[in-house]
Amino acid sequence: MPLQSKSKIVTFRLTDEEFQQFKTVCDANGMRSVSEVARFAIESVIHGDIALPEAQLRAQLRQLDDKVAVLDRKVEDIVQRLGK
């Protein structure tokens, strides 16, 4: 990540366990700070590399809708064949 001057501040609270997880990710990936971990995570969401749970759910629902539509067509085809 290129070094750029940061002028905005975002503050959020973490539990001790969450903070330790941030530090573990930071250390394991050679990041300089937990802030860098947080920025990387947010940038990943913004760029679509990581889907938020709601987006994942919407995508899964679309897939399910598609599969139900395919099944519906197949059942309709079977019913028509049996009716002849």
Foldseek 3Di string as FASTA:
>chain_A
DDDDDDDDDDDDDDDPVVLVVLVVVCVVVVHDDSVVVVVVVVVCCVVVVDDDPVRVVVVVVVVVVVVVVVVVVVVVVVVVVVVD
